[in-house]
Amino acid sequence: MYQVNKTNDGFMVVDQSTGDFVYDEDGNNLFDLESEAIKLLVIARMREAIDNMFEAVEEGDAESIVHLALQYKRRFGTKGESK
């Protein structure tokens, strides 16, 4: 699970399961705007969802695949849906 934390210097995304800060593709982990940190949080969640899906597919775990697909749909929606 990821969380946006406000610090004296700005906003950071933290992986709560490891305590590590999340970095964007440019190596940044501190943002002036909360909206920038939220974008990174969504990307981190998407990466995690995709990684979990690949693991379930590799293991042939149909129940997990369905569960993860439903989680992904609830969290990110599908094309044409508005959030």
C-alpha atoms as a PDB file:
ATOM      1  CA  MET A   1       0.000   0.000   0.000  1.00  0.00           C
ATOM      2  CA  TYR A   2       1.235   3.449  -0.839  1.00  0.00           C
ATOM      3  CA  GLN A   3       0.630   6.745   0.926  1.00  0.00           C
ATOM      4  CA  VAL A   4       1.356  10.399   0.171  1.00  0.00           C
ATOM      5  CA  ASN A   5       3.131  12.075   3.088  1.00  0.00           C
ATOM      6  CA  LYS A   6       3.433  15.823   3.552  1.00  0.00           C
ATOM      7  CA  THR A   7       6.830  16.974   4.791  1.00  0.00           C
ATOM      8  CA  ASN A   8       8.243  20.417   5.517  1.00  0.00           C
ATOM      9  CA  ASP A   9       9.835  20.340   2.053  1.00  0.00           C
ATOM     10  CA  GLY A  10       6.923  18.983  -0.001  1.00  0.00           C
ATOM     11  CA  PHE A  11       5.078  15.746  -0.730  1.00  0.00           C
ATOM     12  CA  MET A  12       6.506  12.237  -0.909  1.00  0.00           C
ATOM     13  CA  VAL A  13       5.077   8.806  -1.700  1.00  0.00           C
ATOM     14  CA  VAL A  14       5.947   6.017   0.733  1.00  0.00           C
ATOM     15  CA  ASP A  15       5.563   2.271   0.231  1.00  0.00           C
ATOM     16  CA  GLN A  16       4.019   1.429   3.586  1.00  0.00           C
ATOM     17  CA  SER A  17       4.953  -2.240   3.374  1.00  0.00           C
ATOM     18  CA  THR A  18       8.691  -1.475   3.119  1.00  0.00           C
ATOM     19  CA  GLY A  19       8.957   2.098   4.421  1.00  0.00           C
ATOM     20  CA  ASP A  20      10.825   3.054   1.232  1.00  0.00           C
ATOM     21  CA  PHE A  21      10.186   6.225  -0.703  1.00  0.00           C
ATOM     22  CA  VAL A  22       8.924   5.853  -4.268  1.00  0.00           C
ATOM     23  CA  TYR A  23      10.824   7.598  -7.063  1.00  0.00           C
ATOM     24  CA  ASP A  24       9.596   8.744 -10.456  1.00  0.00           C
ATOM     25  CA  GLU A  25      11.333   7.895 -13.739  1.00  0.00           C
ATOM     26  CA  ASP A  26      13.716  10.846 -13.239  1.00  0.00           C
ATOM     27  CA  GLY A  27      14.756   9.764  -9.739  1.00  0.00           C
ATOM     28  CA  ASN A  28      12.647  12.376  -7.926  1.00  0.00           C
ATOM     29  CA  ASN A  29      10.811  11.533  -4.722  1.00  0.00           C
ATOM     30  CA  LEU A  30       9.903  15.018  -3.444  1.00  0.00           C
ATOM     31  CA  PHE A  31       7.211  17.138  -5.086  1.00  0.00           C
ATOM     32  CA  ASP A  32       5.991  20.679  -4.503  1.00  0.00           C
ATOM     33  CA  LEU A  33       2.401  19.800  -5.383  1.00  0.00           C
ATOM     34  CA  GLU A  34       0.339  17.064  -3.776  1.00  0.00           C
ATOM     35  CA  SER A  35      -1.182  16.322  -7.195  1.00  0.00           C
ATOM     36  CA  GLU A  36       2.284  15.403  -8.524  1.00  0.00           C
ATOM     37  CA  ALA A  37       2.786  12.965  -5.660  1.00  0.00           C
ATOM     38  CA  ILE A  38      -0.673  11.489  -6.228  1.00  0.00           C
ATOM     39  CA  LYS A  39       0.199  10.819  -9.876  1.00  0.00           C
ATOM     40  CA  LEU A  40       3.276   8.897  -8.726  1.00  0.00           C
ATOM     41  CA  LEU A  41       1.170   6.993  -6.193  1.00  0.00           C
ATOM     42  CA  VAL A  42      -1.230   5.893  -8.961  1.00  0.00           C
ATOM     43  CA  ILE A  43       1.681   4.784 -11.158  1.00  0.00           C
ATOM     44  CA  ALA A  44       3.173   2.796  -8.266  1.00  0.00           C
ATOM     45  CA  ARG A  45      -0.180   1.095  -7.644  1.00  0.00           C
ATOM     46  CA  MET A  46      -0.515   0.253 -11.337  1.00  0.00           C
ATOM     47  CA  ARG A  47       2.981  -1.253 -11.432  1.00  0.00           C
ATOM     48  CA  GLU A  48       2.205  -3.348  -8.370  1.00  0.00           C
ATOM     49  CA  ALA A  49      -1.108  -4.530  -9.852  1.00  0.00           C
ATOM     50  CA  ILE A  50       0.580  -5.516 -13.114  1.00  0.00           C
ATOM     51  CA  ASP A  51       3.388  -7.348 -11.288  1.00  0.00           C
ATOM     52  CA  ASN A  52       0.838  -9.253  -9.199  1.00  0.00           C
ATOM     53  CA  MET A  53      -1.135 -10.143 -12.317  1.00  0.00           C
ATOM     54  CA  PHE A  54       1.961 -11.516 -14.075  1.00  0.00           C
ATOM     55  CA  GLU A  55       2.821 -13.640 -11.033  1.00  0.00           C
ATOM     56  CA  ALA A  56      -0.690 -15.088 -10.940  1.00  0.00           C
ATOM     57  CA  VAL A  57      -0.597 -15.858 -14.668  1.00  0.00           C
ATOM     58  CA  GLU A  58       2.800 -17.551 -14.367  1.00  0.00           C
ATOM     59  CA  GLU A  59       1.473 -19.696 -11.520  1.00  0.00           C
ATOM     60  CA  GLY A  60      -1.768 -20.461 -13.376  1.00  0.00           C
ATOM     61  CA  ASP A  61      -3.773 -19.215 -10.411  1.00  0.00           C
ATOM     62  CA  ALA A  62      -7.135 -18.433 -12.033  1.00  0.00           C
ATOM     63  CA  GLU A  63      -8.793 -17.318  -8.788  1.00  0.00           C
ATOM     64  CA  SER A  64      -6.045 -14.751  -8.121  1.00  0.00           C
ATOM     65  CA  ILE A  65      -6.163 -13.552 -11.727  1.00  0.00           C
ATOM     66  CA  VAL A  66      -9.888 -12.821 -11.452  1.00  0.00           C
ATOM     67  CA  HIS A  67      -9.459 -11.177  -8.050  1.00  0.00           C
ATOM     68  CA  LEU A  68      -6.605  -8.967  -9.295  1.00  0.00           C
ATOM     69  CA  ALA A  69      -8.484  -8.037 -12.478  1.00  0.00           C
ATOM     70  CA  LEU A  70     -11.495  -6.940 -10.432  1.00  0.00           C
ATOM     71  CA  GLN A  71      -9.269  -4.970  -8.054  1.00  0.00           C
ATOM     72  CA  TYR A  72      -7.574  -3.262 -10.997  1.00  0.00           C
ATOM     73  CA  LYS A  73     -10.922  -2.414 -12.595  1.00  0.00           C
ATOM     74  CA  ARG A  74     -12.265  -0.944  -9.341  1.00  0.00           C
ATOM     75  CA  ARG A  75      -9.124   1.083  -8.751  1.00  0.00           C
ATOM     76  CA  PHE A  76      -8.400   2.314 -12.280  1.00  0.00           C
ATOM     77  CA  GLY A  77     -11.621   1.775 -14.224  1.00  0.00           C
ATOM     78  CA  THR A  78     -11.736   0.761 -17.838  1.00  0.00           C
ATOM     79  CA  LYS A  79     -11.617   2.714 -21.077  1.00  0.00           C
ATOM     80  CA  GLY A  80     -14.658   4.911 -21.475  1.00  0.00           C
ATOM     81  CA  GLU A  81     -15.503   5.035 -17.787  1.00  0.00           C
ATOM     82  CA  SER A  82     -15.174   8.276 -15.883  1.00  0.00           C
ATOM     83  CA  LYS A  83     -13.915   8.438 -12.323  1.00  0.00           C
END
